[in-house]
């Protein structure tokens, strides 16, 4: 019984959080993905993009590398959440 109450409370808290997030951001949130092969190019692309937006919500950054023969291929990317 105690576990049921704890689960119900967690569910209500999660539901409240999701409804708040959707109401305040979901209707207006936009996403931009930028991908470059060099980190300085990514920096320049992000800065150029940010000049044209009104409100930044978050930026997620990712780096990956692969090997093709004896060549290393880098991928620098950013996911930008904005209004």
PDB file of N, CA and C in Angstrom:
ATOM      1  N   UNK A   1       0.821  -1.196   0.000  1.00  0.00           N
ATOM      2  CA  UNK A   1       0.000   0.000   0.000  1.00  0.00           C
ATOM      3  C   UNK A   1       0.864   1.260   0.000  1.00  0.00           C
ATOM      4  N   UNK A   2       1.923   1.263   0.804  1.00  0.00           N
ATOM      5  CA  UNK A   2       2.810   2.427   0.852  1.00  0.00           C
ATOM      6  C   UNK A   2       3.424   2.682  -0.512  1.00  0.00           C
ATOM      7  N   UNK A   3       3.835   1.595  -1.219  1.00  0.00           N
ATOM      8  CA  UNK A   3       4.419   1.729  -2.548  1.00  0.00           C
ATOM      9  C   UNK A   3       3.419   2.331  -3.523  1.00  0.00           C
ATOM     10  N   UNK A   4       2.148   1.952  -3.429  1.00  0.00           N
ATOM     11  CA  UNK A   4       1.115   2.503  -4.309  1.00  0.00           C
ATOM     12  C   UNK A   4       0.991   4.012  -4.130  1.00  0.00           C
ATOM     13  N   UNK A   5       1.004   4.481  -2.899  1.00  0.00           N
ATOM     14  CA  UNK A   5       0.915   5.914  -2.633  1.00  0.00           C
ATOM     15  C   UNK A   5       2.135   6.648  -3.184  1.00  0.00           C
ATOM     16  N   UNK A   6       3.301   6.044  -3.017  1.00  0.00           N
ATOM     17  CA  UNK A   6       4.535   6.646  -3.505  1.00  0.00           C
ATOM     18  C   UNK A   6       4.523   6.739  -5.034  1.00  0.00           C
ATOM     19  N   UNK A   7       4.066   5.685  -5.688  1.00  0.00           N
ATOM     20  CA  UNK A   7       3.985   5.677  -7.154  1.00  0.00           C
ATOM     21  C   UNK A   7       2.979   6.704  -7.644  1.00  0.00           C
ATOM     22  N   UNK A   8       1.819   6.789  -6.986  1.00  0.00           N
ATOM     23  CA  UNK A   8       0.800   7.765  -7.387  1.00  0.00           C
ATOM     24  C   UNK A   8       1.317   9.192  -7.222  1.00  0.00           C
ATOM     25  N   UNK A   9       2.040   9.448  -6.129  1.00  0.00           N
ATOM     26  CA  UNK A   9       2.597  10.785  -5.905  1.00  0.00           C
ATOM     27  C   UNK A   9       3.636  11.112  -6.973  1.00  0.00           C
ATOM     28  N   UNK A  10       4.499  10.152  -7.307  1.00  0.00           N
ATOM     29  CA  UNK A  10       5.497  10.346  -8.344  1.00  0.00           C
ATOM     30  C   UNK A  10       4.825  10.598  -9.688  1.00  0.00           C
ATOM     31  N   UNK A  11       3.787   9.852  -9.998  1.00  0.00           N
ATOM     32  CA  UNK A  11       3.057  10.018 -11.251  1.00  0.00           C
ATOM     33  C   UNK A  11       2.443  11.414 -11.342  1.00  0.00           C
ATOM     34  N   UNK A  12       1.810  11.871 -10.261  1.00  0.00           N
ATOM     35  CA  UNK A  12       1.193  13.205 -10.262  1.00  0.00           C
ATOM     36  C   UNK A  12       2.248  14.299 -10.409  1.00  0.00           C
ATOM     37  N   UNK A  13       3.382  14.135  -9.747  1.00  0.00           N
ATOM     38  CA  UNK A  13       4.468  15.113  -9.857  1.00  0.00           C
ATOM     39  C   UNK A  13       4.995  15.161 -11.289  1.00  0.00           C
ATOM     40  N   UNK A  14       5.200  13.990 -11.893  1.00  0.00           N
ATOM     41  CA  UNK A  14       5.680  13.923 -13.276  1.00  0.00           C
ATOM     42  C   UNK A  14       4.668  14.534 -14.231  1.00  0.00           C
ATOM     43  N   UNK A  15       3.395  14.217 -14.034  1.00  0.00           N
ATOM     44  CA  UNK A  15       2.335  14.763 -14.880  1.00  0.00           C
ATOM     45  C   UNK A  15       2.284  16.286 -14.767  1.00  0.00           C
ATOM     46  N   UNK A  16       2.418  16.822 -13.566  1.00  0.00           N
ATOM     47  CA  UNK A  16       2.415  18.266 -13.354  1.00  0.00           C
ATOM     48  C   UNK A  16       3.607  18.916 -14.046  1.00  0.00           C
ATOM     49  N   UNK A  17       4.784  18.307 -13.921  1.00  0.00           N
ATOM     50  CA  UNK A  17       5.982  18.847 -14.565  1.00  0.00           C
ATOM     51  C   UNK A  17       5.811  18.871 -16.076  1.00  0.00           C
ATOM     52  N   UNK A  18       5.337  17.763 -16.650  1.00  0.00           N
ATOM     53  CA  UNK A  18       5.170  17.696 -18.097  1.00  0.00           C
ATOM     54  C   UNK A  18       4.137  18.691 -18.595  1.00  0.00           C
ATOM     55  N   UNK A  19       3.049  18.864 -17.856  1.00  0.00           N
ATOM     56  CA  UNK A  19       2.036  19.831 -18.296  1.00  0.00           C
ATOM     57  C   UNK A  19       2.581  21.253 -18.218  1.00  0.00           C
ATOM     58  N   UNK A  20       3.383  21.570 -17.205  1.00  0.00           N
ATOM     59  CA  UNK A  20       4.007  22.883 -17.103  1.00  0.00           C
ATOM     60  C   UNK A  20       4.966  23.121 -18.264  1.00  0.00           C
ATOM     61  N   UNK A  21       5.810  22.113 -18.540  1.00  0.00           N
ATOM     62  CA  UNK A  21       6.788  22.248 -19.614  1.00  0.00           C
ATOM     63  C   UNK A  21       6.096  22.413 -20.953  1.00  0.00           C
ATOM     64  N   UNK A  22       5.069  21.634 -21.211  1.00  0.00           N
ATOM     65  CA  UNK A  22       4.376  21.728 -22.494  1.00  0.00           C
ATOM     66  C   UNK A  22       3.686  23.079 -22.631  1.00  0.00           C
ATOM     67  N   UNK A  23       3.013  23.515 -21.602  1.00  0.00           N
ATOM     68  CA  UNK A  23       2.283  24.769 -21.663  1.00  0.00           C
ATOM     69  C   UNK A  23       3.223  25.952 -21.866  1.00  0.00           C
ATOM     70  N   UNK A  24       4.360  25.955 -21.170  1.00  0.00           N
ATOM     71  CA  UNK A  24       5.255  27.104 -21.220  1.00  0.00           C
ATOM     72  C   UNK A  24       6.262  27.061 -22.357  1.00  0.00           C
ATOM     73  N   UNK A  25       6.604  25.884 -22.833  1.00  0.00           N
ATOM     74  CA  UNK A  25       7.617  25.801 -23.879  1.00  0.00           C
ATOM     75  C   UNK A  25       7.173  25.033 -25.116  1.00  0.00           C
ATOM     76  N   UNK A  26       6.388  23.983 -24.948  1.00  0.00           N
ATOM     77  CA  UNK A  26       6.056  23.086 -26.040  1.00  0.00           C
ATOM     78  C   UNK A  26       5.377  23.751 -27.213  1.00  0.00           C
ATOM     79  N   UNK A  27       4.498  24.695 -26.953  1.00  0.00           N
ATOM     80  CA  UNK A  27       3.772  25.341 -28.029  1.00  0.00           C
ATOM     81  C   UNK A  27       4.659  26.278 -28.842  1.00  0.00           C
ATOM     82  N   UNK A  28       5.709  26.774 -28.242  1.00  0.00           N
ATOM     83  CA  UNK A  28       6.521  27.798 -28.889  1.00  0.00           C
ATOM     84  C   UNK A  28       7.962  27.360 -29.158  1.00  0.00           C
ATOM     85  N   UNK A  29       8.374  26.222 -28.613  1.00  0.00           N
ATOM     86  CA  UNK A  29       9.756  25.798 -28.718  1.00  0.00           C
ATOM     87  C   UNK A  29      10.088  25.365 -30.149  1.00  0.00           C
ATOM     88  N   UNK A  30      11.274  25.764 -30.602  1.00  0.00           N
ATOM     89  CA  UNK A  30      11.777  25.355 -31.908  1.00  0.00           C
ATOM     90  C   UNK A  30      13.132  24.700 -31.710  1.00  0.00           C
ATOM     91  N   UNK A  31      13.549  23.921 -32.704  1.00  0.00           N
ATOM     92  CA  UNK A  31      14.804  23.178 -32.622  1.00  0.00           C
ATOM     93  C   UNK A  31      15.633  23.452 -33.869  1.00  0.00           C
ATOM     94  N   UNK A  32      16.936  23.639 -33.680  1.00  0.00           N
ATOM     95  CA  UNK A  32      17.872  23.811 -34.780  1.00  0.00           C
ATOM     96  C   UNK A  32      19.043  22.875 -34.530  1.00  0.00           C
ATOM     97  N   UNK A  33      19.405  22.089 -35.542  1.00  0.00           N
ATOM     98  CA  UNK A  33      20.570  21.209 -35.451  1.00  0.00           C
ATOM     99  C   UNK A  33      21.648  21.750 -36.382  1.00  0.00           C
ATOM    100  N   UNK A  34      22.844  21.924 -35.845  1.00  0.00           N
ATOM    101  CA  UNK A  34      23.980  22.406 -36.633  1.00  0.00           C
ATOM    102  C   UNK A  34      25.077  21.352 -36.542  1.00  0.00           C
ATOM    103  N   UNK A  35      25.660  21.015 -37.683  1.00  0.00           N
ATOM    104  CA  UNK A  35      26.672  19.974 -37.755  1.00  0.00           C
ATOM    105  C   UNK A  35      27.853  20.480 -38.576  1.00  0.00           C
ATOM    106  N   UNK A  36      29.046  20.382 -38.009  1.00  0.00           N
ATOM    107  CA  UNK A  36      30.260  20.837 -38.699  1.00  0.00           C
ATOM    108  C   UNK A  36      31.372  19.806 -38.502  1.00  0.00           C
ATOM    109  N   UNK A  37      32.382  19.863 -39.358  1.00  0.00           N
ATOM    110  CA  UNK A  37      33.498  18.923 -39.249  1.00  0.00           C
ATOM    111  C   UNK A  37      34.670  19.486 -38.430  1.00  0.00           C
ATOM    112  N   UNK A  38      34.559  20.733 -37.993  1.00  0.00           N
ATOM    113  CA  UNK A  38      35.601  21.345 -37.167  1.00  0.00           C
ATOM    114  C   UNK A  38      34.924  22.162 -36.072  1.00  0.00           C
ATOM    115  N   UNK A  39      35.481  22.118 -34.865  1.00  0.00           N
ATOM    116  CA  UNK A  39      34.840  22.789 -33.732  1.00  0.00           C
ATOM    117  C   UNK A  39      34.769  24.300 -33.897  1.00  0.00           C
ATOM    118  N   UNK A  40      35.744  24.924 -34.542  1.00  0.00           N
ATOM    119  CA  UNK A  40      35.700  26.371 -34.752  1.00  0.00           C
ATOM    120  C   UNK A  40      34.594  26.753 -35.752  1.00  0.00           C
ATOM    121  N   UNK A  41      34.356  25.888 -36.744  1.00  0.00           N
ATOM    122  CA  UNK A  41      33.248  26.123 -37.672  1.00  0.00           C
ATOM    123  C   UNK A  41      31.911  26.020 -36.953  1.00  0.00           C
ATOM    124  N   UNK A  42      31.803  25.070 -36.022  1.00  0.00           N
ATOM    125  CA  UNK A  42      30.571  24.930 -35.245  1.00  0.00           C
ATOM    126  C   UNK A  42      30.352  26.167 -34.381  1.00  0.00           C
ATOM    127  N   UNK A  43      31.401  26.628 -33.744  1.00  0.00           N
ATOM    128  CA  UNK A  43      31.309  27.831 -32.911  1.00  0.00           C
ATOM    129  C   UNK A  43      30.810  29.018 -33.724  1.00  0.00           C
ATOM    130  N   UNK A  44      31.374  29.202 -34.897  1.00  0.00           N
ATOM    131  CA  UNK A  44      30.974  30.314 -35.757  1.00  0.00           C
ATOM    132  C   UNK A  44      29.514  30.162 -36.200  1.00  0.00           C
ATOM    133  N   UNK A  45      29.111  28.956 -36.572  1.00  0.00           N
ATOM    134  CA  UNK A  45      27.734  28.719 -37.008  1.00  0.00           C
ATOM    135  C   UNK A  45      26.738  28.961 -35.881  1.00  0.00           C
ATOM    136  N   UNK A  46      27.077  28.519 -34.671  1.00  0.00           N
ATOM    137  CA  UNK A  46      26.190  28.735 -33.522  1.00  0.00           C
ATOM    138  C   UNK A  46      26.053  30.222 -33.230  1.00  0.00           C
ATOM    139  N   UNK A  47      27.169  30.943 -33.175  1.00  0.00           N
ATOM    140  CA  UNK A  47      27.121  32.373 -32.893  1.00  0.00           C
ATOM    141  C   UNK A  47      26.315  33.135 -33.941  1.00  0.00           C
ATOM    142  N   UNK A  48      26.472  32.770 -35.201  1.00  0.00           N
ATOM    143  CA  UNK A  48      25.695  33.410 -36.267  1.00  0.00           C
ATOM    144  C   UNK A  48      24.211  33.130 -36.090  1.00  0.00           C
ATOM    145  N   UNK A  49      23.856  31.882 -35.770  1.00  0.00           N
ATOM    146  CA  UNK A  49      22.454  31.530 -35.581  1.00  0.00           C
ATOM    147  C   UNK A  49      21.849  32.249 -34.382  1.00  0.00           C
ATOM    148  N   UNK A  50      22.603  32.339 -33.284  1.00  0.00           N
ATOM    149  CA  UNK A  50      22.081  32.949 -32.058  1.00  0.00           C
ATOM    150  C   UNK A  50      21.784  34.435 -32.211  1.00  0.00           C
ATOM    151  N   UNK A  51      22.428  35.088 -33.168  1.00  0.00           N
ATOM    152  CA  UNK A  51      22.152  36.512 -33.389  1.00  0.00           C
ATOM    153  C   UNK A  51      20.713  36.756 -33.818  1.00  0.00           C
ATOM    154  N   UNK A  52      20.086  35.762 -34.427  1.00  0.00           N
ATOM    155  CA  UNK A  52      18.753  35.960 -34.979  1.00  0.00           C
ATOM    156  C   UNK A  52      17.602  35.424 -34.148  1.00  0.00           C
ATOM    157  N   UNK A  53      17.863  34.927 -32.933  1.00  0.00           N
ATOM    158  CA  UNK A  53      16.757  34.394 -32.136  1.00  0.00           C
ATOM    159  C   UNK A  53      16.446  35.305 -30.968  1.00  0.00           C
ATOM    160  N   UNK A  54      15.206  35.198 -30.472  1.00  0.00           N
ATOM    161  CA  UNK A  54      14.791  36.080 -29.391  1.00  0.00           C
ATOM    162  C   UNK A  54      15.095  35.505 -28.007  1.00  0.00           C
ATOM    163  N   UNK A  55      14.924  34.182 -27.824  1.00  0.00           N
ATOM    164  CA  UNK A  55      15.147  33.605 -26.499  1.00  0.00           C
ATOM    165  C   UNK A  55      15.733  32.201 -26.621  1.00  0.00           C
ATOM    166  N   UNK A  56      16.880  32.003 -26.008  1.00  0.00           N
ATOM    167  CA  UNK A  56      17.551  30.707 -25.996  1.00  0.00           C
ATOM    168  C   UNK A  56      17.045  29.895 -24.807  1.00  0.00           C
ATOM    169  N   UNK A  57      16.691  28.630 -25.050  1.00  0.00           N
ATOM    170  CA  UNK A  57      16.264  27.745 -23.967  1.00  0.00           C
ATOM    171  C   UNK A  57      17.427  26.863 -23.524  1.00  0.00           C
ATOM    172  N   UNK A  58      18.091  26.197 -24.479  1.00  0.00           N
ATOM    173  CA  UNK A  58      19.178  25.287 -24.120  1.00  0.00           C
ATOM    174  C   UNK A  58      19.996  24.952 -25.365  1.00  0.00           C
ATOM    175  N   UNK A  59      21.228  24.520 -25.144  1.00  0.00           N
ATOM    176  CA  UNK A  59      22.082  24.016 -26.223  1.00  0.00           C
ATOM    177  C   UNK A  59      22.677  22.692 -25.753  1.00  0.00           C
ATOM    178  N   UNK A  60      22.573  21.666 -26.598  1.00  0.00           N
ATOM    179  CA  UNK A  60      23.181  20.362 -26.340  1.00  0.00           C
ATOM    180  C   UNK A  60      24.305  20.181 -27.350  1.00  0.00           C
ATOM    181  N   UNK A  61      25.448  19.727 -26.890  1.00  0.00           N
ATOM    182  CA  UNK A  61      26.625  19.582 -27.735  1.00  0.00           C
ATOM    183  C   UNK A  61      27.013  18.116 -27.831  1.00  0.00           C
ATOM    184  N   UNK A  62      27.475  17.688 -29.000  1.00  0.00           N
ATOM    185  CA  UNK A  62      27.894  16.306 -29.190  1.00  0.00           C
ATOM    186  C   UNK A  62      29.097  16.249 -30.120  1.00  0.00           C
ATOM    187  N   UNK A  63      29.992  15.314 -29.844  1.00  0.00           N
ATOM    188  CA  UNK A  63      31.153  15.077 -30.689  1.00  0.00           C
ATOM    189  C   UNK A  63      31.220  13.592 -30.999  1.00  0.00           C
ATOM    190  N   UNK A  64      31.535  13.280 -32.250  1.00  0.00           N
ATOM    191  CA  UNK A  64      31.750  11.878 -32.613  1.00  0.00           C
ATOM    192  C   UNK A  64      32.919  11.793 -33.582  1.00  0.00           C
ATOM    193  N   UNK A  65      33.513  10.631 -33.626  1.00  0.00           N
ATOM    194  CA  UNK A  65      34.656  10.406 -34.505  1.00  0.00           C
ATOM    195  C   UNK A  65      34.533   9.007 -35.098  1.00  0.00           C
ATOM    196  N   UNK A  66      34.921   8.894 -36.346  1.00  0.00           N
ATOM    197  CA  UNK A  66      34.963   7.576 -36.988  1.00  0.00           C
ATOM    198  C   UNK A  66      36.260   7.472 -37.776  1.00  0.00           C
ATOM    199  N   UNK A  67      36.616   6.260 -38.111  1.00  0.00           N
ATOM    200  CA  UNK A  67      37.846   6.019 -38.852  1.00  0.00           C
ATOM    201  C   UNK A  67      37.473   5.428 -40.206  1.00  0.00           C
ATOM    202  N   UNK A  68      38.012   6.037 -41.259  1.00  0.00           N
ATOM    203  CA  UNK A  68      37.804   5.565 -42.618  1.00  0.00           C
ATOM    204  C   UNK A  68      39.184   5.354 -43.225  1.00  0.00           C
ATOM    205  N   UNK A  69      39.590   4.094 -43.305  1.00  0.00           N
ATOM    206  CA  UNK A  69      40.962   3.814 -43.727  1.00  0.00           C
ATOM    207  C   UNK A  69      41.916   4.301 -42.657  1.00  0.00           C
ATOM    208  N   UNK A  70      42.802   5.201 -43.032  1.00  0.00           N
ATOM    209  CA  UNK A  70      43.720   5.800 -42.056  1.00  0.00           C
ATOM    210  C   UNK A  70      43.316   7.222 -41.697  1.00  0.00           C
ATOM    211  N   UNK A  71      42.150   7.622 -42.143  1.00  0.00           N
ATOM    212  CA  UNK A  71      41.663   8.989 -41.897  1.00  0.00           C
ATOM    213  C   UNK A  71      40.653   8.993 -40.759  1.00  0.00           C
ATOM    214  N   UNK A  72      40.774   9.969 -39.857  1.00  0.00           N
ATOM    215  CA  UNK A  72      39.793  10.171 -38.797  1.00  0.00           C
ATOM    216  C   UNK A  72      38.805  11.238 -39.258  1.00  0.00           C
ATOM    217  N   UNK A  73      37.527  10.959 -39.087  1.00  0.00           N
ATOM    218  CA  UNK A  73      36.491  11.904 -39.475  1.00  0.00           C
ATOM    219  C   UNK A  73      35.782  12.358 -38.206  1.00  0.00           C
ATOM    220  N   UNK A  74      35.807  13.662 -37.955  1.00  0.00           N
ATOM    221  CA  UNK A  74      35.174  14.229 -36.769  1.00  0.00           C
ATOM    222  C   UNK A  74      33.842  14.866 -37.144  1.00  0.00           C
ATOM    223  N   UNK A  75      32.932  14.810 -36.198  1.00  0.00           N
ATOM    224  CA  UNK A  75      31.623  15.443 -36.371  1.00  0.00           C
ATOM    225  C   UNK A  75      31.303  16.190 -35.081  1.00  0.00           C
ATOM    226  N   UNK A  76      31.167  17.494 -35.171  1.00  0.00           N
ATOM    227  CA  UNK A  76      30.812  18.339 -34.035  1.00  0.00           C
ATOM    228  C   UNK A  76      29.408  18.863 -34.308  1.00  0.00           C
ATOM    229  N   UNK A  77      28.487  18.613 -33.372  1.00  0.00           N
ATOM    230  CA  UNK A  77      27.110  19.037 -33.608  1.00  0.00           C
ATOM    231  C   UNK A  77      26.508  19.667 -32.363  1.00  0.00           C
ATOM    232  N   UNK A  78      25.492  20.480 -32.605  1.00  0.00           N
ATOM    233  CA  UNK A  78      24.774  21.146 -31.520  1.00  0.00           C
ATOM    234  C   UNK A  78      23.287  21.113 -31.816  1.00  0.00           C
ATOM    235  N   UNK A  79      22.506  20.869 -30.792  1.00  0.00           N
ATOM    236  CA  UNK A  79      21.063  20.949 -30.863  1.00  0.00           C
ATOM    237  C   UNK A  79      20.670  22.184 -30.059  1.00  0.00           C
ATOM    238  N   UNK A  80      20.023  23.133 -30.701  1.00  0.00           N
ATOM    239  CA  UNK A  80      19.665  24.389 -30.055  1.00  0.00           C
ATOM    240  C   UNK A  80      18.157  24.435 -29.879  1.00  0.00           C
ATOM    241  N   UNK A  81      17.709  24.627 -28.645  1.00  0.00           N
ATOM    242  CA  UNK A  81      16.287  24.797 -28.328  1.00  0.00           C
ATOM    243  C   UNK A  81      16.067  26.280 -28.083  1.00  0.00           C
ATOM    244  N   UNK A  82      15.091  26.850 -28.773  1.00  0.00           N
ATOM    245  CA  UNK A  82      14.879  28.290 -28.667  1.00  0.00           C
ATOM    246  C   UNK A  82      13.413  28.632 -28.903  1.00  0.00           C
ATOM    247  N   UNK A  83      13.082  29.866 -28.596  1.00  0.00           N
ATOM    248  CA  UNK A  83      11.736  30.370 -28.869  1.00  0.00           C
ATOM    249  C   UNK A  83      11.790  31.238 -30.093  1.00  0.00           C
TER     250      UNK A  83
END
